[in-house]
Amino acid sequence: MLSSPKSKKSVSSANKKRPASRVWSPVTFGWASVAAELRAARLARHFTIRDLAREVDCDHTVIFRLERATPVAVEHLLSLLLWLGREPFAFTSVDKRYKAKLSPGMSKKVSASSAPRKAAKKAKR
């Protein structure tokens, strides 16, 4: 039995990929903050992007992308944060609506991680 053109269209439209929907997360990461700090530290130590890549054992394009606030793989991000001597939680923030739902112990940890940033912002003013 021959199939009609209509059935071919419906089959081809069923095979189309749908765009992935984004899942909301209460935690955000400050890629721009990491980018600025990494670039400043690299230039202060007179390193080129390739010098830093050799030191942390990653590809130079990873550093290039990160300095432009483009997300990179976690293992590369962690090795660069270690090189900076910074904790990953120093660059995270939690949505206020979600903070209220956290357990008291966890809420204190989240508040403690955002406190140094607030103090640094006040010191810059």
PDB file of N, CA and C in Angstrom:
ATOM      1  N   MET A   1       0.828  -1.163   0.000  1.00  0.00           N
ATOM      2  CA  MET A   1       0.000   0.000   0.000  1.00  0.00           C
ATOM      3  C   MET A   1       0.885   1.243   0.000  1.00  0.00           C
ATOM      4  N   LEU A   2       0.608   2.198  -0.846  1.00  0.00           N
ATOM      5  CA  LEU A   2       1.382   3.417  -0.953  1.00  0.00           C
ATOM      6  C   LEU A   2       0.915   4.427   0.087  1.00  0.00           C
ATOM      7  N   SER A   3       1.859   5.165   0.611  1.00  0.00           N
ATOM      8  CA  SER A   3       1.478   6.175   1.599  1.00  0.00           C
ATOM      9  C   SER A   3       1.225   7.506   0.900  1.00  0.00           C
ATOM     10  N   SER A   4       0.343   8.240   1.429  1.00  0.00           N
ATOM     11  CA  SER A   4      -0.010   9.534   0.839  1.00  0.00           C
ATOM     12  C   SER A   4       1.000  10.588   1.287  1.00  0.00           C
ATOM     13  N   PRO A   5       1.097  11.701   0.533  1.00  0.00           N
ATOM     14  CA  PRO A   5       2.026  12.764   0.921  1.00  0.00           C
ATOM     15  C   PRO A   5       1.721  13.344   2.307  1.00  0.00           C
ATOM     16  N   LYS A   6       0.456  13.318   2.707  1.00  0.00           N
ATOM     17  CA  LYS A   6       0.108  13.854   4.022  1.00  0.00           C
ATOM     18  C   LYS A   6       0.772  13.048   5.138  1.00  0.00           C
ATOM     19  N   SER A   7       0.789  11.732   4.986  1.00  0.00           N
ATOM     20  CA  SER A   7       1.385  10.915   6.033  1.00  0.00           C
ATOM     21  C   SER A   7       2.895  11.142   6.113  1.00  0.00           C
ATOM     22  N   LYS A   8       3.545  11.419   4.998  1.00  0.00           N
ATOM     23  CA  LYS A   8       4.979  11.696   5.017  1.00  0.00           C
ATOM     24  C   LYS A   8       5.255  12.998   5.765  1.00  0.00           C
ATOM     25  N   LYS A   9       4.407  13.986   5.550  1.00  0.00           N
ATOM     26  CA  LYS A   9       4.610  15.249   6.241  1.00  0.00           C
ATOM     27  C   LYS A   9       4.437  15.090   7.740  1.00  0.00           C
ATOM     28  N   SER A  10       3.449  14.326   8.141  1.00  0.00           N
ATOM     29  CA  SER A  10       3.220  14.174   9.574  1.00  0.00           C
ATOM     30  C   SER A  10       4.354  13.391  10.231  1.00  0.00           C
ATOM     31  N   VAL A  11       4.935  12.447   9.503  1.00  0.00           N
ATOM     32  CA  VAL A  11       6.061  11.689  10.042  1.00  0.00           C
ATOM     33  C   VAL A  11       7.274  12.595  10.167  1.00  0.00           C
ATOM     34  N   SER A  12       7.548  13.419   9.145  1.00  0.00           N
ATOM     35  CA  SER A  12       8.723  14.282   9.206  1.00  0.00           C
ATOM     36  C   SER A  12       8.559  15.363  10.267  1.00  0.00           C
ATOM     37  N   SER A  13       7.338  15.858  10.475  1.00  0.00           N
ATOM     38  CA  SER A  13       7.157  16.878  11.506  1.00  0.00           C
ATOM     39  C   SER A  13       7.271  16.270  12.900  1.00  0.00           C
ATOM     40  N   ALA A  14       6.945  14.990  13.032  1.00  0.00           N
ATOM     41  CA  ALA A  14       7.071  14.329  14.332  1.00  0.00           C
ATOM     42  C   ALA A  14       8.532  14.108  14.689  1.00  0.00           C
ATOM     43  N   ASN A  15       9.418  14.023  13.688  1.00  0.00           N
ATOM     44  CA  ASN A  15      10.844  13.791  13.937  1.00  0.00           C
ATOM     45  C   ASN A  15      11.612  15.072  14.261  1.00  0.00           C
ATOM     46  N   LYS A  16      10.977  16.218  14.099  1.00  0.00           N
ATOM     47  CA  LYS A  16      11.667  17.470  14.385  1.00  0.00           C
ATOM     48  C   LYS A  16      11.956  17.567  15.876  1.00  0.00           C
ATOM     49  N   LYS A  17      13.123  18.081  16.168  1.00  0.00           N
ATOM     50  CA  LYS A  17      13.493  18.236  17.570  1.00  0.00           C
ATOM     51  C   LYS A  17      12.857  19.500  18.124  1.00  0.00           C
ATOM     52  N   ARG A  18      12.343  19.380  19.305  1.00  0.00           N
ATOM     53  CA  ARG A  18      11.790  20.533  19.990  1.00  0.00           C
ATOM     54  C   ARG A  18      12.906  21.207  20.768  1.00  0.00           C
ATOM     55  N   PRO A  19      12.849  22.533  20.857  1.00  0.00           N
ATOM     56  CA  PRO A  19      13.885  23.195  21.651  1.00  0.00           C
ATOM     57  C   PRO A  19      13.755  22.804  23.117  1.00  0.00           C
ATOM     58  N   ALA A  20      14.890  22.606  23.750  1.00  0.00           N
ATOM     59  CA  ALA A  20      14.884  22.209  25.157  1.00  0.00           C
ATOM     60  C   ALA A  20      14.406  23.375  26.012  1.00  0.00           C
ATOM     61  N   SER A  21      13.539  23.092  26.935  1.00  0.00           N
ATOM     62  CA  SER A  21      13.069  24.147  27.819  1.00  0.00           C
ATOM     63  C   SER A  21      14.058  24.306  28.968  1.00  0.00           C
ATOM     64  N   ARG A  22      14.214  25.509  29.411  1.00  0.00           N
ATOM     65  CA  ARG A  22      15.137  25.774  30.511  1.00  0.00           C
ATOM     66  C   ARG A  22      14.445  25.510  31.833  1.00  0.00           C
ATOM     67  N   VAL A  23      15.199  24.971  32.735  1.00  0.00           N
ATOM     68  CA  VAL A  23      14.684  24.691  34.061  1.00  0.00           C
ATOM     69  C   VAL A  23      15.142  25.825  34.978  1.00  0.00           C
ATOM     70  N   TRP A  24      14.221  26.376  35.733  1.00  0.00           N
ATOM     71  CA  TRP A  24      14.558  27.464  36.639  1.00  0.00           C
ATOM     72  C   TRP A  24      15.372  26.941  37.796  1.00  0.00           C
ATOM     73  N   SER A  25      16.392  27.657  38.154  1.00  0.00           N
ATOM     74  CA  SER A  25      17.210  27.283  39.293  1.00  0.00           C
ATOM     75  C   SER A  25      17.295  28.469  40.241  1.00  0.00           C
ATOM     76  N   PRO A  26      17.185  28.233  41.536  1.00  0.00           N
ATOM     77  CA  PRO A  26      17.289  29.339  42.485  1.00  0.00           C
ATOM     78  C   PRO A  26      18.733  29.819  42.684  1.00  0.00           C
ATOM     79  N   VAL A  27      19.695  29.051  42.191  1.00  0.00           N
ATOM     80  CA  VAL A  27      21.101  29.398  42.361  1.00  0.00           C
ATOM     81  C   VAL A  27      21.644  29.928  41.039  1.00  0.00           C
ATOM     82  N   THR A  28      22.297  31.068  41.095  1.00  0.00           N
ATOM     83  CA  THR A  28      22.930  31.623  39.899  1.00  0.00           C
ATOM     84  C   THR A  28      24.427  31.763  40.155  1.00  0.00           C
ATOM     85  N   PHE A  29      25.183  31.694  39.096  1.00  0.00           N
ATOM     86  CA  PHE A  29      26.634  31.787  39.191  1.00  0.00           C
ATOM     87  C   PHE A  29      27.079  33.066  38.505  1.00  0.00           C
ATOM     88  N   GLY A  30      27.960  33.804  39.135  1.00  0.00           N
ATOM     89  CA  GLY A  30      28.430  35.094  38.607  1.00  0.00           C
ATOM     90  C   GLY A  30      29.590  34.930  37.645  1.00  0.00           C
ATOM     91  N   TRP A  31      29.275  34.561  36.414  1.00  0.00           N
ATOM     92  CA  TRP A  31      30.324  34.356  35.406  1.00  0.00           C
ATOM     93  C   TRP A  31      31.096  35.643  35.142  1.00  0.00           C
ATOM     94  N   ALA A  32      30.407  36.771  35.138  1.00  0.00           N
ATOM     95  CA  ALA A  32      31.079  38.047  34.872  1.00  0.00           C
ATOM     96  C   ALA A  32      32.071  38.382  35.986  1.00  0.00           C
ATOM     97  N   SER A  33      31.718  38.074  37.224  1.00  0.00           N
ATOM     98  CA  SER A  33      32.621  38.325  38.355  1.00  0.00           C
ATOM     99  C   SER A  33      33.879  37.471  38.246  1.00  0.00           C
ATOM    100  N   VAL A  34      33.691  36.204  37.889  1.00  0.00           N
ATOM    101  CA  VAL A  34      34.842  35.307  37.714  1.00  0.00           C
ATOM    102  C   VAL A  34      35.714  35.818  36.578  1.00  0.00           C
ATOM    103  N   ALA A  35      35.090  36.237  35.496  1.00  0.00           N
ATOM    104  CA  ALA A  35      35.832  36.723  34.326  1.00  0.00           C
ATOM    105  C   ALA A  35      36.696  37.922  34.696  1.00  0.00           C
ATOM    106  N   ALA A  36      36.120  38.876  35.396  1.00  0.00           N
ATOM    107  CA  ALA A  36      36.859  40.082  35.767  1.00  0.00           C
ATOM    108  C   ALA A  36      38.007  39.759  36.719  1.00  0.00           C
ATOM    109  N   GLU A  37      37.736  38.918  37.693  1.00  0.00           N
ATOM    110  CA  GLU A  37      38.764  38.578  38.676  1.00  0.00           C
ATOM    111  C   GLU A  37      39.892  37.757  38.048  1.00  0.00           C
ATOM    112  N   LEU A  38      39.530  36.818  37.178  1.00  0.00           N
ATOM    113  CA  LEU A  38      40.545  35.991  36.518  1.00  0.00           C
ATOM    114  C   LEU A  38      41.446  36.846  35.633  1.00  0.00           C
ATOM    115  N   ARG A  39      40.861  37.724  34.870  1.00  0.00           N
ATOM    116  CA  ARG A  39      41.643  38.587  33.975  1.00  0.00           C
ATOM    117  C   ARG A  39      42.567  39.501  34.785  1.00  0.00           C
ATOM    118  N   ALA A  40      42.037  40.093  35.849  1.00  0.00           N
ATOM    119  CA  ALA A  40      42.851  40.992  36.678  1.00  0.00           C
ATOM    120  C   ALA A  40      44.020  40.240  37.319  1.00  0.00           C
ATOM    121  N   ALA A  41      43.766  39.045  37.827  1.00  0.00           N
ATOM    122  CA  ALA A  41      44.830  38.260  38.459  1.00  0.00           C
ATOM    123  C   ALA A  41      45.869  37.815  37.430  1.00  0.00           C
ATOM    124  N   ARG A  42      45.398  37.429  36.270  1.00  0.00           N
ATOM    125  CA  ARG A  42      46.325  36.981  35.213  1.00  0.00           C
ATOM    126  C   ARG A  42      47.234  38.122  34.779  1.00  0.00           C
ATOM    127  N   LEU A  43      46.659  39.299  34.572  1.00  0.00           N
ATOM    128  CA  LEU A  43      47.457  40.446  34.136  1.00  0.00           C
ATOM    129  C   LEU A  43      48.381  40.948  35.245  1.00  0.00           C
ATOM    130  N   ALA A  44      47.930  40.856  36.505  1.00  0.00           N
ATOM    131  CA  ALA A  44      48.772  41.280  37.626  1.00  0.00           C
ATOM    132  C   ALA A  44      50.020  40.400  37.744  1.00  0.00           C
ATOM    133  N   ARG A  45      49.890  39.142  37.368  1.00  0.00           N
ATOM    134  CA  ARG A  45      51.031  38.222  37.428  1.00  0.00           C
ATOM    135  C   ARG A  45      51.804  38.184  36.113  1.00  0.00           C
ATOM    136  N   HIS A  46      51.433  39.025  35.172  1.00  0.00           N
ATOM    137  CA  HIS A  46      52.088  39.125  33.863  1.00  0.00           C
ATOM    138  C   HIS A  46      52.057  37.806  33.094  1.00  0.00           C
ATOM    139  N   PHE A  47      50.911  37.119  33.150  1.00  0.00           N
ATOM    140  CA  PHE A  47      50.720  35.866  32.425  1.00  0.00           C
ATOM    141  C   PHE A  47      49.937  36.145  31.151  1.00  0.00           C
ATOM    142  N   THR A  48      50.300  35.458  30.088  1.00  0.00           N
ATOM    143  CA  THR A  48      49.442  35.457  28.909  1.00  0.00           C
ATOM    144  C   THR A  48      48.392  34.376  29.124  1.00  0.00           C
ATOM    145  N   ILE A  49      47.412  34.346  28.250  1.00  0.00           N
ATOM    146  CA  ILE A  49      46.383  33.310  28.350  1.00  0.00           C
ATOM    147  C   ILE A  49      47.020  31.933  28.200  1.00  0.00           C
ATOM    148  N   ARG A  50      47.952  31.810  27.294  1.00  0.00           N
ATOM    149  CA  ARG A  50      48.618  30.515  27.081  1.00  0.00           C
ATOM    150  C   ARG A  50      49.495  30.115  28.275  1.00  0.00           C
ATOM    151  N   ASP A  51      50.147  31.086  28.920  1.00  0.00           N
ATOM    152  CA  ASP A  51      50.934  30.783  30.126  1.00  0.00           C
ATOM    153  C   ASP A  51      50.040  30.211  31.219  1.00  0.00           C
ATOM    154  N   LEU A  52      48.901  30.863  31.428  1.00  0.00           N
ATOM    155  CA  LEU A  52      47.967  30.390  32.452  1.00  0.00           C
ATOM    156  C   LEU A  52      47.417  29.018  32.098  1.00  0.00           C
ATOM    157  N   ALA A  53      47.137  28.801  30.820  1.00  0.00           N
ATOM    158  CA  ALA A  53      46.619  27.496  30.383  1.00  0.00           C
ATOM    159  C   ALA A  53      47.624  26.392  30.680  1.00  0.00           C
ATOM    160  N   ARG A  54      48.908  26.671  30.461  1.00  0.00           N
ATOM    161  CA  ARG A  54      49.929  25.682  30.773  1.00  0.00           C
ATOM    162  C   ARG A  54      50.007  25.413  32.275  1.00  0.00           C
ATOM    163  N   GLU A  55      49.863  26.471  33.060  1.00  0.00           N
ATOM    164  CA  GLU A  55      49.986  26.311  34.516  1.00  0.00           C
ATOM    165  C   GLU A  55      48.836  25.508  35.114  1.00  0.00           C
ATOM    166  N   VAL A  56      47.611  25.722  34.629  1.00  0.00           N
ATOM    167  CA  VAL A  56      46.460  24.998  35.192  1.00  0.00           C
ATOM    168  C   VAL A  56      46.115  23.759  34.375  1.00  0.00           C
ATOM    169  N   ASP A  57      46.902  23.476  33.343  1.00  0.00           N
ATOM    170  CA  ASP A  57      46.743  22.279  32.522  1.00  0.00           C
ATOM    171  C   ASP A  57      45.371  22.196  31.850  1.00  0.00           C
ATOM    172  N   CYS A  58      45.044  23.238  31.092  1.00  0.00           N
ATOM    173  CA  CYS A  58      43.830  23.215  30.275  1.00  0.00           C
ATOM    174  C   CYS A  58      44.139  23.908  28.955  1.00  0.00           C
ATOM    175  N   ASP A  59      43.196  23.885  28.060  1.00  0.00           N
ATOM    176  CA  ASP A  59      43.369  24.517  26.759  1.00  0.00           C
ATOM    177  C   ASP A  59      43.220  26.033  26.897  1.00  0.00           C
ATOM    178  N   HIS A  60      43.963  26.782  26.094  1.00  0.00           N
ATOM    179  CA  HIS A  60      43.900  28.241  26.188  1.00  0.00           C
ATOM    180  C   HIS A  60      42.521  28.792  25.820  1.00  0.00           C
ATOM    181  N   THR A  61      41.764  28.058  25.023  1.00  0.00           N
ATOM    182  CA  THR A  61      40.431  28.548  24.652  1.00  0.00           C
ATOM    183  C   THR A  61      39.481  28.560  25.840  1.00  0.00           C
ATOM    184  N   VAL A  62      39.725  27.698  26.820  1.00  0.00           N
ATOM    185  CA  VAL A  62      38.898  27.681  28.035  1.00  0.00           C
ATOM    186  C   VAL A  62      39.050  29.008  28.771  1.00  0.00           C
ATOM    187  N   ILE A  63      40.280  29.466  28.914  1.00  0.00           N
ATOM    188  CA  ILE A  63      40.533  30.729  29.606  1.00  0.00           C
ATOM    189  C   ILE A  63      40.002  31.892  28.779  1.00  0.00           C
ATOM    190  N   PHE A  64      40.186  31.824  27.490  1.00  0.00           N
ATOM    191  CA  PHE A  64      39.666  32.859  26.597  1.00  0.00           C
ATOM    192  C   PHE A  64      38.156  32.994  26.768  1.00  0.00           C
ATOM    193  N   ARG A  65      37.446  31.863  26.771  1.00  0.00           N
ATOM    194  CA  ARG A  65      35.987  31.892  26.927  1.00  0.00           C
ATOM    195  C   ARG A  65      35.576  32.367  28.314  1.00  0.00           C
ATOM    196  N   LEU A  66      36.275  31.901  29.329  1.00  0.00           N
ATOM    197  CA  LEU A  66      35.911  32.277  30.692  1.00  0.00           C
ATOM    198  C   LEU A  66      36.141  33.766  30.936  1.00  0.00           C
ATOM    199  N   GLU A  67      37.184  34.323  30.367  1.00  0.00           N
ATOM    200  CA  GLU A  67      37.427  35.756  30.532  1.00  0.00           C
ATOM    201  C   GLU A  67      36.395  36.613  29.801  1.00  0.00           C
ATOM    202  N   ARG A  68      35.617  35.995  28.968  1.00  0.00           N
ATOM    203  CA  ARG A  68      34.511  36.689  28.299  1.00  0.00           C
ATOM    204  C   ARG A  68      33.164  36.286  28.888  1.00  0.00           C
ATOM    205  N   ALA A  69      33.204  35.734  30.094  1.00  0.00           N
ATOM    206  CA  ALA A  69      32.014  35.355  30.876  1.00  0.00           C
ATOM    207  C   ALA A  69      31.165  34.300  30.188  1.00  0.00           C
ATOM    208  N   THR A  70      31.802  33.425  29.417  1.00  0.00           N
ATOM    209  CA  THR A  70      31.113  32.306  28.794  1.00  0.00           C
ATOM    210  C   THR A  70      31.279  31.081  29.692  1.00  0.00           C
ATOM    211  N   PRO A  71      30.200  30.392  30.036  1.00  0.00           N
ATOM    212  CA  PRO A  71      30.326  29.220  30.907  1.00  0.00           C
ATOM    213  C   PRO A  71      31.252  28.158  30.314  1.00  0.00           C
ATOM    214  N   VAL A  72      32.029  27.529  31.188  1.00  0.00           N
ATOM    215  CA  VAL A  72      32.951  26.466  30.784  1.00  0.00           C
ATOM    216  C   VAL A  72      32.676  25.239  31.644  1.00  0.00           C
ATOM    217  N   ALA A  73      33.341  24.154  31.332  1.00  0.00           N
ATOM    218  CA  ALA A  73      33.162  22.903  32.076  1.00  0.00           C
ATOM    219  C   ALA A  73      33.576  23.095  33.534  1.00  0.00           C
ATOM    220  N   VAL A  74      32.901  22.370  34.399  1.00  0.00           N
ATOM    221  CA  VAL A  74      33.114  22.511  35.839  1.00  0.00           C
ATOM    222  C   VAL A  74      34.558  22.218  36.233  1.00  0.00           C
ATOM    223  N   GLU A  75      35.154  21.190  35.659  1.00  0.00           N
ATOM    224  CA  GLU A  75      36.519  20.845  36.055  1.00  0.00           C
ATOM    225  C   GLU A  75      37.505  21.960  35.710  1.00  0.00           C
ATOM    226  N   HIS A  76      37.289  22.642  34.588  1.00  0.00           N
ATOM    227  CA  HIS A  76      38.157  23.761  34.222  1.00  0.00           C
ATOM    228  C   HIS A  76      37.902  24.958  35.135  1.00  0.00           C
ATOM    229  N   LEU A  77      36.639  25.212  35.406  1.00  0.00           N
ATOM    230  CA  LEU A  77      36.289  26.311  36.293  1.00  0.00           C
ATOM    231  C   LEU A  77      36.913  26.111  37.668  1.00  0.00           C
ATOM    232  N   LEU A  78      36.815  24.901  38.201  1.00  0.00           N
ATOM    233  CA  LEU A  78      37.372  24.630  39.526  1.00  0.00           C
ATOM    234  C   LEU A  78      38.893  24.775  39.545  1.00  0.00           C
ATOM    235  N   SER A  79      39.571  24.315  38.507  1.00  0.00           N
ATOM    236  CA  SER A  79      41.030  24.440  38.495  1.00  0.00           C
ATOM    237  C   SER A  79      41.447  25.910  38.421  1.00  0.00           C
ATOM    238  N   LEU A  80      40.691  26.715  37.691  1.00  0.00           N
ATOM    239  CA  LEU A  80      41.016  28.148  37.619  1.00  0.00           C
ATOM    240  C   LEU A  80      40.678  28.871  38.922  1.00  0.00           C
ATOM    241  N   LEU A  81      39.613  28.456  39.583  1.00  0.00           N
ATOM    242  CA  LEU A  81      39.289  29.054  40.880  1.00  0.00           C
ATOM    243  C   LEU A  81      40.327  28.674  41.928  1.00  0.00           C
ATOM    244  N   LEU A  82      40.857  27.461  41.842  1.00  0.00           N
ATOM    245  CA  LEU A  82      41.951  27.063  42.736  1.00  0.00           C
ATOM    246  C   LEU A  82      43.189  27.923  42.484  1.00  0.00           C
ATOM    247  N   TRP A  83      43.474  28.187  41.226  1.00  0.00           N
ATOM    248  CA  TRP A  83      44.607  29.039  40.874  1.00  0.00           C
ATOM    249  C   TRP A  83      44.407  30.439  41.444  1.00  0.00           C
ATOM    250  N   LEU A  84      43.157  30.917  41.425  1.00  0.00           N
ATOM    251  CA  LEU A  84      42.853  32.225  41.996  1.00  0.00           C
ATOM    252  C   LEU A  84      42.871  32.207  43.521  1.00  0.00           C
ATOM    253  N   GLY A  85      42.709  31.000  44.094  1.00  0.00           N
ATOM    254  CA  GLY A  85      42.617  30.890  45.539  1.00  0.00           C
ATOM    255  C   GLY A  85      41.247  31.278  46.058  1.00  0.00           C
ATOM    256  N   ARG A  86      40.219  31.034  45.255  1.00  0.00           N
ATOM    257  CA  ARG A  86      38.851  31.415  45.613  1.00  0.00           C
ATOM    258  C   ARG A  86      37.959  30.189  45.695  1.00  0.00           C
ATOM    259  N   GLU A  87      36.914  30.288  46.504  1.00  0.00           N
ATOM    260  CA  GLU A  87      35.903  29.236  46.640  1.00  0.00           C
ATOM    261  C   GLU A  87      34.826  29.436  45.577  1.00  0.00           C
ATOM    262  N   PRO A  88      34.294  28.363  45.006  1.00  0.00           N
ATOM    263  CA  PRO A  88      33.218  28.513  44.017  1.00  0.00           C
ATOM    264  C   PRO A  88      31.981  29.201  44.591  1.00  0.00           C
ATOM    265  N   PHE A  89      31.716  28.979  45.886  1.00  0.00           N
ATOM    266  CA  PHE A  89      30.525  29.564  46.486  1.00  0.00           C
ATOM    267  C   PHE A  89      30.624  31.082  46.609  1.00  0.00           C
ATOM    268  N   ALA A  90      31.809  31.627  46.478  1.00  0.00           N
ATOM    269  CA  ALA A  90      31.961  33.080  46.541  1.00  0.00           C
ATOM    270  C   ALA A  90      31.301  33.751  45.334  1.00  0.00           C
ATOM    271  N   PHE A  91      31.047  32.995  44.277  1.00  0.00           N
ATOM    272  CA  PHE A  91      30.476  33.559  43.060  1.00  0.00           C
ATOM    273  C   PHE A  91      29.035  33.127  42.828  1.00  0.00           C
ATOM    274  N   THR A  92      28.431  32.488  43.813  1.00  0.00           N
ATOM    275  CA  THR A  92      27.048  32.047  43.653  1.00  0.00           C
ATOM    276  C   THR A  92      26.117  32.937  44.464  1.00  0.00           C
ATOM    277  N   SER A  93      24.879  32.993  44.010  1.00  0.00           N
ATOM    278  CA  SER A  93      23.856  33.697  44.777  1.00  0.00           C
ATOM    279  C   SER A  93      22.581  32.874  44.712  1.00  0.00           C
ATOM    280  N   VAL A  94      21.782  32.995  45.753  1.00  0.00           N
ATOM    281  CA  VAL A  94      20.538  32.242  45.850  1.00  0.00           C
ATOM    282  C   VAL A  94      19.380  33.220  45.817  1.00  0.00           C
ATOM    283  N   ASP A  95      18.373  32.882  45.028  1.00  0.00           N
ATOM    284  CA  ASP A  95      17.181  33.720  44.914  1.00  0.00           C
ATOM    285  C   ASP A  95      16.540  33.924  46.286  1.00  0.00           C
ATOM    286  N   LYS A  96      16.091  35.137  46.563  1.00  0.00           N
ATOM    287  CA  LYS A  96      15.516  35.462  47.875  1.00  0.00           C
ATOM    288  C   LYS A  96      14.298  34.606  48.204  1.00  0.00           C
ATOM    289  N   ARG A  97      13.479  34.326  47.195  1.00  0.00           N
ATOM    290  CA  ARG A  97      12.292  33.507  47.434  1.00  0.00           C
ATOM    291  C   ARG A  97      12.674  32.110  47.899  1.00  0.00           C
ATOM    292  N   TYR A  98      13.773  31.597  47.384  1.00  0.00           N
ATOM    293  CA  TYR A  98      14.208  30.252  47.729  1.00  0.00           C
ATOM    294  C   TYR A  98      14.897  30.224  49.090  1.00  0.00           C
ATOM    295  N   LYS A  99      15.611  31.304  49.441  1.00  0.00           N
ATOM    296  CA  LYS A  99      16.311  31.355  50.724  1.00  0.00           C
ATOM    297  C   LYS A  99      15.354  31.140  51.887  1.00  0.00           C
ATOM    298  N   ALA A 100      14.146  31.667  51.767  1.00  0.00           N
ATOM    299  CA  ALA A 100      13.165  31.539  52.842  1.00  0.00           C
ATOM    300  C   ALA A 100      12.757  30.088  53.067  1.00  0.00           C
ATOM    301  N   LYS A 101      12.871  29.261  52.041  1.00  0.00           N
ATOM    302  CA  LYS A 101      12.465  27.858  52.132  1.00  0.00           C
ATOM    303  C   LYS A 101      13.575  26.947  52.649  1.00  0.00           C
ATOM    304  N   LEU A 102      14.787  27.459  52.761  1.00  0.00           N
ATOM    305  CA  LEU A 102      15.912  26.645  53.207  1.00  0.00           C
ATOM    306  C   LEU A 102      15.832  26.369  54.702  1.00  0.00           C
ATOM    307  N   SER A 103      16.464  25.286  55.099  1.00  0.00           N
ATOM    308  CA  SER A 103      16.548  24.992  56.531  1.00  0.00           C
ATOM    309  C   SER A 103      17.428  26.059  57.188  1.00  0.00           C
ATOM    310  N   PRO A 104      17.265  26.304  58.482  1.00  0.00           N
ATOM    311  CA  PRO A 104      18.043  27.357  59.149  1.00  0.00           C
ATOM    312  C   PRO A 104      19.559  27.187  59.007  1.00  0.00           C
ATOM    313  N   GLY A 105      20.044  25.956  59.120  1.00  0.00           N
ATOM    314  CA  GLY A 105      21.485  25.721  58.987  1.00  0.00           C
ATOM    315  C   GLY A 105      21.996  26.051  57.600  1.00  0.00           C
ATOM    316  N   MET A 106      21.252  25.651  56.588  1.00  0.00           N
ATOM    317  CA  MET A 106      21.655  25.919  55.216  1.00  0.00           C
ATOM    318  C   MET A 106      21.524  27.411  54.903  1.00  0.00           C
ATOM    319  N   SER A 107      20.517  28.034  55.454  1.00  0.00           N
ATOM    320  CA  SER A 107      20.313  29.463  55.238  1.00  0.00           C
ATOM    321  C   SER A 107      21.499  30.269  55.758  1.00  0.00           C
ATOM    322  N   LYS A 108      22.060  29.851  56.905  1.00  0.00           N
ATOM    323  CA  LYS A 108      23.228  30.527  57.456  1.00  0.00           C
ATOM    324  C   LYS A 108      24.439  30.366  56.549  1.00  0.00           C
ATOM    325  N   LYS A 109      24.604  29.169  55.971  1.00  0.00           N
ATOM    326  CA  LYS A 109      25.727  28.929  55.065  1.00  0.00           C
ATOM    327  C   LYS A 109      25.624  29.795  53.824  1.00  0.00           C
ATOM    328  N   VAL A 110      24.415  29.892  53.276  1.00  0.00           N
ATOM    329  CA  VAL A 110      24.205  30.702  52.081  1.00  0.00           C
ATOM    330  C   VAL A 110      24.457  32.167  52.393  1.00  0.00           C
ATOM    331  N   SER A 111      23.973  32.626  53.535  1.00  0.00           N
ATOM    332  CA  SER A 111      24.179  34.020  53.931  1.00  0.00           C
ATOM    333  C   SER A 111      25.654  34.299  54.169  1.00  0.00           C
ATOM    334  N   ALA A 112      26.358  33.352  54.736  1.00  0.00           N
ATOM    335  CA  ALA A 112      27.784  33.532  55.008  1.00  0.00           C
ATOM    336  C   ALA A 112      28.584  33.622  53.721  1.00  0.00           C
ATOM    337  N   SER A 113      28.181  32.876  52.706  1.00  0.00           N
ATOM    338  CA  SER A 113      28.927  32.914  51.446  1.00  0.00           C
ATOM    339  C   SER A 113      28.696  34.207  50.698  1.00  0.00           C
ATOM    340  N   SER A 114      27.548  34.863  50.897  1.00  0.00           N
ATOM    341  CA  SER A 114      27.291  36.117  50.201  1.00  0.00           C
ATOM    342  C   SER A 114      27.765  37.319  51.006  1.00  0.00           C
ATOM    343  N   ALA A 115      28.085  37.148  52.284  1.00  0.00           N
ATOM    344  CA  ALA A 115      28.528  38.252  53.132  1.00  0.00           C
ATOM    345  C   ALA A 115      29.855  38.870  52.665  1.00  0.00           C
ATOM    346  N   PRO A 116      30.880  38.088  52.294  1.00  0.00           N
ATOM    347  CA  PRO A 116      32.129  38.708  51.842  1.00  0.00           C
ATOM    348  C   PRO A 116      31.944  39.577  50.607  1.00  0.00           C
ATOM    349  N   ARG A 117      31.039  39.182  49.711  1.00  0.00           N
ATOM    350  CA  ARG A 117      30.794  39.988  48.519  1.00  0.00           C
ATOM    351  C   ARG A 117      30.170  41.321  48.888  1.00  0.00           C
ATOM    352  N   LYS A 118      29.222  41.298  49.820  1.00  0.00           N
ATOM    353  CA  LYS A 118      28.574  42.529  50.238  1.00  0.00           C
ATOM    354  C   LYS A 118      29.583  43.456  50.893  1.00  0.00           C
ATOM    355  N   ALA A 119      30.462  42.913  51.707  1.00  0.00           N
ATOM    356  CA  ALA A 119      31.488  43.724  52.364  1.00  0.00           C
ATOM    357  C   ALA A 119      32.453  44.310  51.331  1.00  0.00           C
ATOM    358  N   ALA A 120      32.783  43.538  50.317  1.00  0.00           N
ATOM    359  CA  ALA A 120      33.687  44.022  49.269  1.00  0.00           C
ATOM    360  C   ALA A 120      33.032  45.136  48.473  1.00  0.00           C
ATOM    361  N   LYS A 121      31.730  45.032  48.209  1.00  0.00           N
ATOM    362  CA  LYS A 121      31.028  46.083  47.478  1.00  0.00           C
ATOM    363  C   LYS A 121      31.008  47.380  48.278  1.00  0.00           C
ATOM    364  N   LYS A 122      30.785  47.274  49.601  1.00  0.00           N
ATOM    365  CA  LYS A 122      30.772  48.463  50.443  1.00  0.00           C
ATOM    366  C   LYS A 122      32.164  49.101  50.503  1.00  0.00           C
ATOM    367  N   ALA A 123      33.198  48.290  50.509  1.00  0.00           N
ATOM    368  CA  ALA A 123      34.565  48.811  50.578  1.00  0.00           C
ATOM    369  C   ALA A 123      34.945  49.552  49.299  1.00  0.00           C
ATOM    370  N   LYS A 124      34.390  49.129  48.164  1.00  0.00           N
ATOM    371  CA  LYS A 124      34.701  49.781  46.888  1.00  0.00           C
ATOM    372  C   LYS A 124      34.078  51.167  46.807  1.00  0.00           C
ATOM    373  N   ARG A 125      32.970  51.367  47.507  1.00  0.00           N
ATOM    374  CA  ARG A 125      32.270  52.669  47.437  1.00  0.00           C
ATOM    375  C   ARG A 125      33.035  53.682  48.164  1.00  0.00           C
TER     376      ARG A 125
END
